[in-house]
Amino acid sequence: VQLVESGGGLVQPGESLRLACTASGIFGFYAMGWYRQAPGKQRDLVAWAPSIGSTNVTDSVKGRFTISIDLAQDTVYLQMHNLKPEDTAVYYCFVNLHVSSPLPDAWGQGTQVTVSA
């Protein structure tokens, strides 16, 4: 299993970014999503999407972040609007190959998102 992320970068507060993560070496999945880890902090769940069913977004980013998946491409997206400095972190995508759950079976390498004026 390989997860390749893209879309991170440096933006100013209030701007937007879209992260993408494509999985390869799999034959479908049960869930994909994103965690993030700020310096000196634990890795926290941001959003996840089951292959069938409703998406889930953590309260701290609800209304600003949207997750979506492309089943045909085994790709998960995280659209982030109105970014804030506290959103600065390394964002990691994950995939669960066995159950519809935000518990990862595999991780991406991480992509840095920095929000700064």
PDB file of N, CA and C in Angstrom:
ATOM      1  N   VAL A   1       0.858  -1.192   0.000  1.00  0.00           N
ATOM      2  CA  VAL A   1       0.000   0.000   0.000  1.00  0.00           C
ATOM      3  C   VAL A   1       0.892   1.239   0.000  1.00  0.00           C
ATOM      4  N   GLN A   2       0.571   2.172  -0.874  1.00  0.00           N
ATOM      5  CA  GLN A   2       1.301   3.442  -0.896  1.00  0.00           C
ATOM      6  C   GLN A   2       0.291   4.575  -0.983  1.00  0.00           C
ATOM      7  N   LEU A   3       0.499   5.584  -0.147  1.00  0.00           N
ATOM      8  CA  LEU A   3      -0.343   6.772  -0.149  1.00  0.00           C
ATOM      9  C   LEU A   3       0.530   7.966  -0.494  1.00  0.00           C
ATOM     10  N   VAL A   4       0.149   8.698  -1.517  1.00  0.00           N
ATOM     11  CA  VAL A   4       0.923   9.856  -1.960  1.00  0.00           C
ATOM     12  C   VAL A   4       0.070  11.103  -1.825  1.00  0.00           C
ATOM     13  N   GLU A   5       0.565  12.047  -1.034  1.00  0.00           N
ATOM     14  CA  GLU A   5      -0.165  13.276  -0.748  1.00  0.00           C
ATOM     15  C   GLU A   5       0.384  14.435  -1.562  1.00  0.00           C
ATOM     16  N   SER A   6      -0.468  15.416  -1.761  1.00  0.00           N
ATOM     17  CA  SER A   6      -0.045  16.637  -2.436  1.00  0.00           C
ATOM     18  C   SER A   6      -0.943  17.778  -2.002  1.00  0.00           C
ATOM     19  N   GLY A   7      -0.483  19.004  -2.250  1.00  0.00           N
ATOM     20  CA  GLY A   7      -1.331  20.162  -2.041  1.00  0.00           C
ATOM     21  C   GLY A   7      -0.988  21.032  -0.846  1.00  0.00           C
ATOM     22  N   GLY A   8      -0.043  20.643  -0.037  1.00  0.00           N
ATOM     23  CA  GLY A   8       0.307  21.483   1.097  1.00  0.00           C
ATOM     24  C   GLY A   8       1.056  22.726   0.657  1.00  0.00           C
ATOM     25  N   GLY A   9       1.308  23.626   1.626  1.00  0.00           N
ATOM     26  CA  GLY A   9       2.042  24.826   1.299  1.00  0.00           C
ATOM     27  C   GLY A   9       1.897  25.895   2.347  1.00  0.00           C
ATOM     28  N   LEU A  10       2.384  27.080   1.988  1.00  0.00           N
ATOM     29  CA  LEU A  10       2.329  28.242   2.869  1.00  0.00           C
ATOM     30  C   LEU A  10       1.246  29.186   2.361  1.00  0.00           C
ATOM     31  N   VAL A  11       0.313  29.522   3.230  1.00  0.00           N
ATOM     32  CA  VAL A  11      -0.754  30.444   2.872  1.00  0.00           C
ATOM     33  C   VAL A  11      -0.948  31.454   3.978  1.00  0.00           C
ATOM     34  N   GLN A  12      -1.669  32.509   3.662  1.00  0.00           N
ATOM     35  CA  GLN A  12      -2.000  33.522   4.657  1.00  0.00           C
ATOM     36  C   GLN A  12      -3.329  33.181   5.317  1.00  0.00           C
ATOM     37  N   PRO A  13      -3.554  33.691   6.511  1.00  0.00           N
ATOM     38  CA  PRO A  13      -4.849  33.464   7.170  1.00  0.00           C
ATOM     39  C   PRO A  13      -6.000  33.897   6.272  1.00  0.00           C
ATOM     40  N   GLY A  14      -7.046  33.070   6.259  1.00  0.00           N
ATOM     41  CA  GLY A  14      -8.215  33.341   5.440  1.00  0.00           C
ATOM     42  C   GLY A  14      -8.176  32.710   4.062  1.00  0.00           C
ATOM     43  N   GLU A  15      -7.026  32.239   3.643  1.00  0.00           N
ATOM     44  CA  GLU A  15      -6.910  31.620   2.326  1.00  0.00           C
ATOM     45  C   GLU A  15      -7.319  30.151   2.369  1.00  0.00           C
ATOM     46  N   SER A  16      -7.278  29.527   1.185  1.00  0.00           N
ATOM     47  CA  SER A  16      -7.740  28.143   1.040  1.00  0.00           C
ATOM     48  C   SER A  16      -6.627  27.263   0.465  1.00  0.00           C
ATOM     49  N   LEU A  17      -6.740  25.975   0.742  1.00  0.00           N
ATOM     50  CA  LEU A  17      -5.884  24.953   0.164  1.00  0.00           C
ATOM     51  C   LEU A  17      -6.704  23.696  -0.047  1.00  0.00           C
ATOM     52  N   ARG A  18      -6.291  22.891  -1.014  1.00  0.00           N
ATOM     53  CA  ARG A  18      -6.897  21.573  -1.179  1.00  0.00           C
ATOM     54  C   ARG A  18      -5.784  20.527  -1.165  1.00  0.00           C
ATOM     55  N   LEU A  19      -5.917  19.592  -0.257  1.00  0.00           N
ATOM     56  CA  LEU A  19      -4.999  18.465  -0.182  1.00  0.00           C
ATOM     57  C   LEU A  19      -5.600  17.281  -0.927  1.00  0.00           C
ATOM     58  N   ALA A  20      -4.721  16.490  -1.530  1.00  0.00           N
ATOM     59  CA  ALA A  20      -5.143  15.268  -2.206  1.00  0.00           C
ATOM     60  C   ALA A  20      -4.243  14.121  -1.769  1.00  0.00           C
ATOM     61  N   CYS A  21      -4.811  12.935  -1.739  1.00  0.00           N
ATOM     62  CA  CYS A  21      -4.048  11.740  -1.366  1.00  0.00           C
ATOM     63  C   CYS A  21      -4.570  10.575  -2.200  1.00  0.00           C
ATOM     64  N   THR A  22      -3.674   9.959  -2.949  1.00  0.00           N
ATOM     65  CA  THR A  22      -4.048   8.833  -3.794  1.00  0.00           C
ATOM     66  C   THR A  22      -3.386   7.564  -3.288  1.00  0.00           C
ATOM     67  N   ALA A  23      -4.196   6.526  -3.166  1.00  0.00           N
ATOM     68  CA  ALA A  23      -3.699   5.226  -2.721  1.00  0.00           C
ATOM     69  C   ALA A  23      -3.417   4.337  -3.923  1.00  0.00           C
ATOM     70  N   SER A  24      -2.359   3.569  -3.818  1.00  0.00           N
ATOM     71  CA  SER A  24      -2.056   2.576  -4.846  1.00  0.00           C
ATOM     72  C   SER A  24      -1.716   1.253  -4.176  1.00  0.00           C
ATOM     73  N   GLY A  25      -1.805   0.184  -4.956  1.00  0.00           N
ATOM     74  CA  GLY A  25      -1.522  -1.132  -4.400  1.00  0.00           C
ATOM     75  C   GLY A  25      -2.659  -1.699  -3.584  1.00  0.00           C
ATOM     76  N   ILE A  26      -3.866  -1.159  -3.764  1.00  0.00           N
ATOM     77  CA  ILE A  26      -5.025  -1.652  -3.034  1.00  0.00           C
ATOM     78  C   ILE A  26      -6.124  -2.029  -4.016  1.00  0.00           C
ATOM     79  N   PHE A  27      -7.076  -2.808  -3.533  1.00  0.00           N
ATOM     80  CA  PHE A  27      -8.255  -3.173  -4.324  1.00  0.00           C
ATOM     81  C   PHE A  27      -9.470  -2.660  -3.572  1.00  0.00           C
ATOM     82  N   GLY A  28      -9.607  -1.343  -3.579  1.00  0.00           N
ATOM     83  CA  GLY A  28     -10.693  -0.719  -2.854  1.00  0.00           C
ATOM     84  C   GLY A  28     -10.313  -0.459  -1.404  1.00  0.00           C
ATOM     85  N   PHE A  29     -11.182   0.246  -0.695  1.00  0.00           N
ATOM     86  CA  PHE A  29     -10.924   0.576   0.709  1.00  0.00           C
ATOM     87  C   PHE A  29     -12.254   0.749   1.420  1.00  0.00           C
ATOM     88  N   TYR A  30     -12.207   0.758   2.736  1.00  0.00           N
ATOM     89  CA  TYR A  30     -13.395   1.000   3.543  1.00  0.00           C
ATOM     90  C   TYR A  30     -13.483   2.441   4.029  1.00  0.00           C
ATOM     91  N   ALA A  31     -12.339   3.088   4.216  1.00  0.00           N
ATOM     92  CA  ALA A  31     -12.340   4.475   4.672  1.00  0.00           C
ATOM     93  C   ALA A  31     -11.009   5.122   4.337  1.00  0.00           C
ATOM     94  N   MET A  32     -11.064   6.408   4.083  1.00  0.00           N
ATOM     95  CA  MET A  32      -9.855   7.228   3.932  1.00  0.00           C
ATOM     96  C   MET A  32     -10.098   8.538   4.651  1.00  0.00           C
ATOM     97  N   GLY A  33      -9.021   9.198   5.016  1.00  0.00           N
ATOM     98  CA  GLY A  33      -9.196  10.462   5.703  1.00  0.00           C
ATOM     99  C   GLY A  33      -7.879  11.127   6.033  1.00  0.00           C
ATOM    100  N   TRP A  34      -7.975  12.076   6.956  1.00  0.00           N
ATOM    101  CA  TRP A  34      -6.819  12.909   7.298  1.00  0.00           C
ATOM    102  C   TRP A  34      -6.682  13.106   8.801  1.00  0.00           C
ATOM    103  N   TYR A  35      -5.446  13.032   9.252  1.00  0.00           N
ATOM    104  CA  TYR A  35      -5.048  13.469  10.571  1.00  0.00           C
ATOM    105  C   TYR A  35      -4.087  14.650  10.397  1.00  0.00           C
ATOM    106  N   ARG A  36      -3.837  15.347  11.479  1.00  0.00           N
ATOM    107  CA  ARG A  36      -2.803  16.377  11.455  1.00  0.00           C
ATOM    108  C   ARG A  36      -2.044  16.387  12.770  1.00  0.00           C
ATOM    109  N   GLN A  37      -0.794  16.841  12.664  1.00  0.00           N
ATOM    110  CA  GLN A  37       0.066  16.898  13.843  1.00  0.00           C
ATOM    111  C   GLN A  37       0.835  18.203  13.838  1.00  0.00           C
ATOM    112  N   ALA A  38       0.551  19.028  14.837  1.00  0.00           N
ATOM    113  CA  ALA A  38       1.285  20.280  15.019  1.00  0.00           C
ATOM    114  C   ALA A  38       2.542  19.998  15.840  1.00  0.00           C
ATOM    115  N   PRO A  39       3.541  20.864  15.751  1.00  0.00           N
ATOM    116  CA  PRO A  39       4.785  20.654  16.503  1.00  0.00           C
ATOM    117  C   PRO A  39       4.532  20.477  17.994  1.00  0.00           C
ATOM    118  N   GLY A  40       5.079  19.421  18.562  1.00  0.00           N
ATOM    119  CA  GLY A  40       4.954  19.182  19.982  1.00  0.00           C
ATOM    120  C   GLY A  40       3.613  18.655  20.433  1.00  0.00           C
ATOM    121  N   LYS A  41       2.738  18.321  19.481  1.00  0.00           N
ATOM    122  CA  LYS A  41       1.398  17.848  19.832  1.00  0.00           C
ATOM    123  C   LYS A  41       1.155  16.460  19.252  1.00  0.00           C
ATOM    124  N   GLN A  42       0.111  15.832  19.717  1.00  0.00           N
ATOM    125  CA  GLN A  42      -0.235  14.507  19.212  1.00  0.00           C
ATOM    126  C   GLN A  42      -0.911  14.618  17.858  1.00  0.00           C
ATOM    127  N   ARG A  43      -0.958  13.512  17.169  1.00  0.00           N
ATOM    128  CA  ARG A  43      -1.625  13.454  15.874  1.00  0.00           C
ATOM    129  C   ARG A  43      -3.131  13.309  16.104  1.00  0.00           C
ATOM    130  N   ASP A  44      -3.899  14.228  15.547  1.00  0.00           N
ATOM    131  CA  ASP A  44      -5.347  14.267  15.765  1.00  0.00           C
ATOM    132  C   ASP A  44      -6.111  14.049  14.465  1.00  0.00           C
ATOM    133  N   LEU A  45      -7.243  13.393  14.580  1.00  0.00           N
ATOM    134  CA  LEU A  45      -8.120  13.182  13.440  1.00  0.00           C
ATOM    135  C   LEU A  45      -8.751  14.500  13.007  1.00  0.00           C
ATOM    136  N   VAL A  46      -8.734  14.749  11.705  1.00  0.00           N
ATOM    137  CA  VAL A  46      -9.357  15.951  11.154  1.00  0.00           C
ATOM    138  C   VAL A  46     -10.684  15.602  10.474  1.00  0.00           C
ATOM    139  N   ALA A  47     -10.645  14.630   9.588  1.00  0.00           N
ATOM    140  CA  ALA A  47     -11.839  14.259   8.842  1.00  0.00           C
ATOM    141  C   ALA A  47     -11.623  12.882   8.227  1.00  0.00           C
ATOM    142  N   TRP A  48     -12.751  12.170   8.053  1.00  0.00           N
ATOM    143  CA  TRP A  48     -12.656  10.877   7.390  1.00  0.00           C
ATOM    144  C   TRP A  48     -13.942  10.577   6.646  1.00  0.00           C
ATOM    145  N   ALA A  49     -13.799   9.713   5.642  1.00  0.00           N
ATOM    146  CA  ALA A  49     -14.936   9.383   4.798  1.00  0.00           C
ATOM    147  C   ALA A  49     -14.964   7.887   4.557  1.00  0.00           C
ATOM    148  N   PRO A  50     -16.085   7.245   4.826  1.00  0.00           N
ATOM    149  CA  PRO A  50     -16.223   5.839   4.473  1.00  0.00           C
ATOM    150  C   PRO A  50     -16.477   5.708   2.979  1.00  0.00           C
ATOM    151  N   SER A  51     -16.186   4.558   2.429  1.00  0.00           N
ATOM    152  CA  SER A  51     -16.452   4.363   1.005  1.00  0.00           C
ATOM    153  C   SER A  51     -17.952   4.410   0.712  1.00  0.00           C
ATOM    154  N   ILE A  52     -18.736   4.038   1.715  1.00  0.00           N
ATOM    155  CA  ILE A  52     -20.196   4.173   1.621  1.00  0.00           C
ATOM    156  C   ILE A  52     -20.668   4.837   2.898  1.00  0.00           C
ATOM    157  N   GLY A  53     -21.419   5.940   2.756  1.00  0.00           N
ATOM    158  CA  GLY A  53     -21.936   6.593   3.948  1.00  0.00           C
ATOM    159  C   GLY A  53     -21.507   8.034   4.053  1.00  0.00           C
ATOM    160  N   SER A  54     -21.825   8.631   5.188  1.00  0.00           N
ATOM    161  CA  SER A  54     -21.593  10.057   5.393  1.00  0.00           C
ATOM    162  C   SER A  54     -20.162  10.343   5.822  1.00  0.00           C
ATOM    163  N   THR A  55     -19.702  11.527   5.450  1.00  0.00           N
ATOM    164  CA  THR A  55     -18.378  11.971   5.876  1.00  0.00           C
ATOM    165  C   THR A  55     -18.430  12.498   7.305  1.00  0.00           C
ATOM    166  N   ASN A  56     -17.248  12.621   7.895  1.00  0.00           N
ATOM    167  CA  ASN A  56     -17.131  13.076   9.272  1.00  0.00           C
ATOM    168  C   ASN A  56     -16.013  14.105   9.373  1.00  0.00           C
ATOM    169  N   VAL A  57     -16.304  15.226  10.026  1.00  0.00           N
ATOM    170  CA  VAL A  57     -15.324  16.310  10.179  1.00  0.00           C
ATOM    171  C   VAL A  57     -15.286  16.703  11.651  1.00  0.00           C
ATOM    172  N   THR A  58     -14.089  16.859  12.185  1.00  0.00           N
ATOM    173  CA  THR A  58     -13.981  17.201  13.591  1.00  0.00           C
ATOM    174  C   THR A  58     -14.522  18.600  13.848  1.00  0.00           C
ATOM    175  N   ASP A  59     -15.032  18.823  15.038  1.00  0.00           N
ATOM    176  CA  ASP A  59     -15.728  20.072  15.347  1.00  0.00           C
ATOM    177  C   ASP A  59     -14.854  21.302  15.134  1.00  0.00           C
ATOM    178  N   SER A  60     -13.577  21.201  15.389  1.00  0.00           N
ATOM    179  CA  SER A  60     -12.706  22.376  15.313  1.00  0.00           C
ATOM    180  C   SER A  60     -12.560  22.924  13.893  1.00  0.00           C
ATOM    181  N   VAL A  61     -12.866  22.129  12.895  1.00  0.00           N
ATOM    182  CA  VAL A  61     -12.755  22.594  11.512  1.00  0.00           C
ATOM    183  C   VAL A  61     -14.086  22.536  10.772  1.00  0.00           C
ATOM    184  N   LYS A  62     -15.120  22.140  11.451  1.00  0.00           N
ATOM    185  CA  LYS A  62     -16.438  22.033  10.810  1.00  0.00           C
ATOM    186  C   LYS A  62     -16.870  23.397  10.280  1.00  0.00           C
ATOM    187  N   GLY A  63     -17.384  23.386   9.054  1.00  0.00           N
ATOM    188  CA  GLY A  63     -17.778  24.633   8.417  1.00  0.00           C
ATOM    189  C   GLY A  63     -16.673  25.266   7.598  1.00  0.00           C
ATOM    190  N   ARG A  64     -15.435  24.811   7.799  1.00  0.00           N
ATOM    191  CA  ARG A  64     -14.297  25.338   7.041  1.00  0.00           C
ATOM    192  C   ARG A  64     -13.652  24.266   6.168  1.00  0.00           C
ATOM    193  N   PHE A  65     -13.637  23.035   6.643  1.00  0.00           N
ATOM    194  CA  PHE A  65     -13.010  21.929   5.916  1.00  0.00           C
ATOM    195  C   PHE A  65     -14.080  20.980   5.397  1.00  0.00           C
ATOM    196  N   THR A  66     -13.851  20.465   4.209  1.00  0.00           N
ATOM    197  CA  THR A  66     -14.740  19.468   3.609  1.00  0.00           C
ATOM    198  C   THR A  66     -13.901  18.320   3.068  1.00  0.00           C
ATOM    199  N   ILE A  67     -14.351  17.095   3.336  1.00  0.00           N
ATOM    200  CA  ILE A  67     -13.653  15.924   2.822  1.00  0.00           C
ATOM    201  C   ILE A  67     -14.502  15.262   1.756  1.00  0.00           C
ATOM    202  N   SER A  68     -13.833  14.753   0.748  1.00  0.00           N
ATOM    203  CA  SER A  68     -14.533  14.019  -0.306  1.00  0.00           C
ATOM    204  C   SER A  68     -13.624  12.910  -0.825  1.00  0.00           C
ATOM    205  N   ILE A  69     -14.233  11.901  -1.424  1.00  0.00           N
ATOM    206  CA  ILE A  69     -13.455  10.795  -1.970  1.00  0.00           C
ATOM    207  C   ILE A  69     -13.866  10.516  -3.406  1.00  0.00           C
ATOM    208  N   ASP A  70     -12.913  10.037  -4.171  1.00  0.00           N
ATOM    209  CA  ASP A  70     -13.133   9.583  -5.538  1.00  0.00           C
ATOM    210  C   ASP A  70     -12.848   8.086  -5.537  1.00  0.00           C
ATOM    211  N   LEU A  71     -13.895   7.292  -5.524  1.00  0.00           N
ATOM    212  CA  LEU A  71     -13.728   5.844  -5.420  1.00  0.00           C
ATOM    213  C   LEU A  71     -13.010   5.266  -6.637  1.00  0.00           C
ATOM    214  N   ALA A  72     -13.263   5.840  -7.795  1.00  0.00           N
ATOM    215  CA  ALA A  72     -12.647   5.319  -9.013  1.00  0.00           C
ATOM    216  C   ALA A  72     -11.131   5.532  -9.023  1.00  0.00           C
ATOM    217  N   GLN A  73     -10.697   6.583  -8.355  1.00  0.00           N
ATOM    218  CA  GLN A  73      -9.270   6.931  -8.320  1.00  0.00           C
ATOM    219  C   GLN A  73      -8.606   6.592  -6.993  1.00  0.00           C
ATOM    220  N   ASP A  74      -9.358   6.022  -6.053  1.00  0.00           N
ATOM    221  CA  ASP A  74      -8.821   5.739  -4.714  1.00  0.00           C
ATOM    222  C   ASP A  74      -8.129   6.972  -4.136  1.00  0.00           C
ATOM    223  N   THR A  75      -8.825   8.086  -4.215  1.00  0.00           N
ATOM    224  CA  THR A  75      -8.261   9.369  -3.808  1.00  0.00           C
ATOM    225  C   THR A  75      -9.187  10.042  -2.810  1.00  0.00           C
ATOM    226  N   VAL A  76      -8.579  10.678  -1.814  1.00  0.00           N
ATOM    227  CA  VAL A  76      -9.318  11.467  -0.846  1.00  0.00           C
ATOM    228  C   VAL A  76      -8.810  12.900  -0.911  1.00  0.00           C
ATOM    229  N   TYR A  77      -9.752  13.834  -0.806  1.00  0.00           N
ATOM    230  CA  TYR A  77      -9.443  15.254  -0.849  1.00  0.00           C
ATOM    231  C   TYR A  77      -9.841  15.905   0.474  1.00  0.00           C
ATOM    232  N   LEU A  78      -9.086  16.949   0.833  1.00  0.00           N
ATOM    233  CA  LEU A  78      -9.465  17.783   1.960  1.00  0.00           C
ATOM    234  C   LEU A  78      -9.435  19.226   1.485  1.00  0.00           C
ATOM    235  N   GLN A  79     -10.617  19.797   1.339  1.00  0.00           N
ATOM    236  CA  GLN A  79     -10.731  21.190   0.945  1.00  0.00           C
ATOM    237  C   GLN A  79     -10.785  22.027   2.202  1.00  0.00           C
ATOM    238  N   MET A  80      -9.847  22.958   2.313  1.00  0.00           N
ATOM    239  CA  MET A  80      -9.725  23.773   3.522  1.00  0.00           C
ATOM    240  C   MET A  80      -9.931  25.239   3.148  1.00  0.00           C
ATOM    241  N   HIS A  81     -10.913  25.863   3.793  1.00  0.00           N
ATOM    242  CA  HIS A  81     -11.201  27.275   3.575  1.00  0.00           C
ATOM    243  C   HIS A  81     -10.960  28.050   4.862  1.00  0.00           C
ATOM    244  N   ASN A  82     -10.800  29.358   4.708  1.00  0.00           N
ATOM    245  CA  ASN A  82     -10.644  30.249   5.858  1.00  0.00           C
ATOM    246  C   ASN A  82      -9.600  29.703   6.845  1.00  0.00           C
ATOM    247  N   LEU A  83      -8.435  29.389   6.322  1.00  0.00           N
ATOM    248  CA  LEU A  83      -7.396  28.786   7.150  1.00  0.00           C
ATOM    249  C   LEU A  83      -6.931  29.746   8.233  1.00  0.00           C
ATOM    250  N   LYS A  84      -6.593  29.168   9.377  1.00  0.00           N
ATOM    251  CA  LYS A  84      -6.151  29.933  10.534  1.00  0.00           C
ATOM    252  C   LYS A  84      -4.747  29.480  10.938  1.00  0.00           C
ATOM    253  N   PRO A  85      -4.009  30.316  11.646  1.00  0.00           N
ATOM    254  CA  PRO A  85      -2.660  29.898  12.084  1.00  0.00           C
ATOM    255  C   PRO A  85      -2.682  28.588  12.874  1.00  0.00           C
ATOM    256  N   GLU A  86      -3.743  28.351  13.621  1.00  0.00           N
ATOM    257  CA  GLU A  86      -3.820  27.108  14.405  1.00  0.00           C
ATOM    258  C   GLU A  86      -4.047  25.871  13.540  1.00  0.00           C
ATOM    259  N   ASP A  87      -4.281  26.057  12.255  1.00  0.00           N
ATOM    260  CA  ASP A  87      -4.371  24.914  11.341  1.00  0.00           C
ATOM    261  C   ASP A  87      -2.989  24.467  10.864  1.00  0.00           C
ATOM    262  N   THR A  88      -1.967  25.211  11.222  1.00  0.00           N
ATOM    263  CA  THR A  88      -0.608  24.851  10.836  1.00  0.00           C
ATOM    264  C   THR A  88      -0.226  23.503  11.435  1.00  0.00           C
ATOM    265  N   ALA A  89       0.175  22.577  10.564  1.00  0.00           N
ATOM    266  CA  ALA A  89       0.500  21.218  10.997  1.00  0.00           C
ATOM    267  C   ALA A  89       0.988  20.428   9.794  1.00  0.00           C
ATOM    268  N   VAL A  90       1.502  19.246  10.069  1.00  0.00           N
ATOM    269  CA  VAL A  90       1.714  18.259   9.016  1.00  0.00           C
ATOM    270  C   VAL A  90       0.439  17.446   8.909  1.00  0.00           C
ATOM    271  N   TYR A  91      -0.090  17.356   7.711  1.00  0.00           N
ATOM    272  CA  TYR A  91      -1.332  16.623   7.464  1.00  0.00           C
ATOM    273  C   TYR A  91      -0.995  15.265   6.854  1.00  0.00           C
ATOM    274  N   TYR A  92      -1.545  14.224   7.485  1.00  0.00           N
ATOM    275  CA  TYR A  92      -1.288  12.855   7.060  1.00  0.00           C
ATOM    276  C   TYR A  92      -2.584  12.210   6.587  1.00  0.00           C
ATOM    277  N   CYS A  93      -2.571  11.639   5.417  1.00  0.00           N
ATOM    278  CA  CYS A  93      -3.742  10.873   5.012  1.00  0.00           C
ATOM    279  C   CYS A  93      -3.570   9.424   5.464  1.00  0.00           C
ATOM    280  N   PHE A  94      -4.697   8.729   5.530  1.00  0.00           N
ATOM    281  CA  PHE A  94      -4.684   7.327   5.946  1.00  0.00           C
ATOM    282  C   PHE A  94      -5.723   6.558   5.160  1.00  0.00           C
ATOM    283  N   VAL A  95      -5.585   5.264   5.192  1.00  0.00           N
ATOM    284  CA  VAL A  95      -6.571   4.378   4.595  1.00  0.00           C
ATOM    285  C   VAL A  95      -6.853   3.226   5.555  1.00  0.00           C
ATOM    286  N   ASN A  96      -8.116   2.819   5.595  1.00  0.00           N
ATOM    287  CA  ASN A  96      -8.494   1.611   6.323  1.00  0.00           C
ATOM    288  C   ASN A  96      -9.032   0.615   5.309  1.00  0.00           C
ATOM    289  N   LEU A  97      -8.390  -0.535   5.261  1.00  0.00           N
ATOM    290  CA  LEU A  97      -8.706  -1.530   4.237  1.00  0.00           C
ATOM    291  C   LEU A  97      -9.664  -2.613   4.728  1.00  0.00           C
ATOM    292  N   HIS A  98     -10.093  -2.514   6.018  1.00  0.00           N
ATOM    293  CA  HIS A  98     -10.834  -3.631   6.582  1.00  0.00           C
ATOM    294  C   HIS A  98     -12.202  -3.273   7.116  1.00  0.00           C
ATOM    295  N   VAL A  99     -12.312  -2.060   7.715  1.00  0.00           N
ATOM    296  CA  VAL A  99     -13.592  -1.649   8.284  1.00  0.00           C
ATOM    297  C   VAL A  99     -13.804  -0.171   8.025  1.00  0.00           C
ATOM    298  N   SER A 100     -15.050   0.253   8.147  1.00  0.00           N
ATOM    299  CA  SER A 100     -15.394   1.658   7.972  1.00  0.00           C
ATOM    300  C   SER A 100     -15.102   2.378   9.282  1.00  0.00           C
ATOM    301  N   SER A 101     -13.872   2.855   9.398  1.00  0.00           N
ATOM    302  CA  SER A 101     -13.380   3.386  10.666  1.00  0.00           C
ATOM    303  C   SER A 101     -12.230   4.345  10.394  1.00  0.00           C
ATOM    304  N   PRO A 102     -12.026   5.334  11.285  1.00  0.00           N
ATOM    305  CA  PRO A 102     -10.877   6.235  11.117  1.00  0.00           C
ATOM    306  C   PRO A 102      -9.568   5.682  11.692  1.00  0.00           C
ATOM    307  N   LEU A 103      -9.520   4.397  11.972  1.00  0.00           N
ATOM    308  CA  LEU A 103      -8.282   3.775  12.439  1.00  0.00           C
ATOM    309  C   LEU A 103      -7.449   3.364  11.233  1.00  0.00           C
ATOM    310  N   PRO A 104      -6.249   3.918  11.101  1.00  0.00           N
ATOM    311  CA  PRO A 104      -5.453   3.682   9.890  1.00  0.00           C
ATOM    312  C   PRO A 104      -4.827   2.296   9.799  1.00  0.00           C
ATOM    313  N   ASP A 105      -4.832   1.769   8.594  1.00  0.00           N
ATOM    314  CA  ASP A 105      -4.013   0.610   8.254  1.00  0.00           C
ATOM    315  C   ASP A 105      -2.698   1.057   7.619  1.00  0.00           C
ATOM    316  N   ALA A 106      -2.706   2.233   7.017  1.00  0.00           N
ATOM    317  CA  ALA A 106      -1.499   2.763   6.370  1.00  0.00           C
ATOM    318  C   ALA A 106      -1.578   4.277   6.360  1.00  0.00           C
ATOM    319  N   TRP A 107      -0.392   4.906   6.354  1.00  0.00           N
ATOM    320  CA  TRP A 107      -0.276   6.364   6.376  1.00  0.00           C
ATOM    321  C   TRP A 107       0.427   6.864   5.125  1.00  0.00           C
ATOM    322  N   GLY A 108       0.105   8.117   4.771  1.00  0.00           N
ATOM    323  CA  GLY A 108       0.906   8.830   3.805  1.00  0.00           C
ATOM    324  C   GLY A 108       2.137   9.418   4.485  1.00  0.00           C
ATOM    325  N   GLN A 109       2.979  10.053   3.681  1.00  0.00           N
ATOM    326  CA  GLN A 109       4.233  10.579   4.205  1.00  0.00           C
ATOM    327  C   GLN A 109       4.059  11.912   4.916  1.00  0.00           C
ATOM    328  N   GLY A 110       2.913  12.547   4.734  1.00  0.00           N
ATOM    329  CA  GLY A 110       2.648  13.829   5.366  1.00  0.00           C
ATOM    330  C   GLY A 110       2.938  14.984   4.427  1.00  0.00           C
ATOM    331  N   THR A 111       2.127  16.016   4.543  1.00  0.00           N
ATOM    332  CA  THR A 111       2.333  17.243   3.769  1.00  0.00           C
ATOM    333  C   THR A 111       2.161  18.437   4.702  1.00  0.00           C
ATOM    334  N   GLN A 112       3.089  19.367   4.618  1.00  0.00           N
ATOM    335  CA  GLN A 112       3.100  20.504   5.546  1.00  0.00           C
ATOM    336  C   GLN A 112       2.121  21.579   5.085  1.00  0.00           C
ATOM    337  N   VAL A 113       1.319  22.037   6.016  1.00  0.00           N
ATOM    338  CA  VAL A 113       0.444  23.191   5.798  1.00  0.00           C
ATOM    339  C   VAL A 113       0.852  24.246   6.817  1.00  0.00           C
ATOM    340  N   THR A 114       1.223  25.412   6.328  1.00  0.00           N
ATOM    341  CA  THR A 114       1.620  26.513   7.195  1.00  0.00           C
ATOM    342  C   THR A 114       0.746  27.717   6.891  1.00  0.00           C
ATOM    343  N   VAL A 115       0.105  28.226   7.935  1.00  0.00           N
ATOM    344  CA  VAL A 115      -0.770  29.387   7.802  1.00  0.00           C
ATOM    345  C   VAL A 115      -0.136  30.524   8.605  1.00  0.00           C
ATOM    346  N   SER A 116       0.332  31.529   7.882  1.00  0.00           N
ATOM    347  CA  SER A 116       1.061  32.611   8.533  1.00  0.00           C
ATOM    348  C   SER A 116       0.958  33.878   7.711  1.00  0.00           C
ATOM    349  N   ALA A 117       0.861  34.990   8.434  1.00  0.00           N
ATOM    350  CA  ALA A 117       0.858  36.286   7.758  1.00  0.00           C
ATOM    351  C   ALA A 117       2.278  36.721   7.431  1.00  0.00           C
TER     352      ALA A 117
END
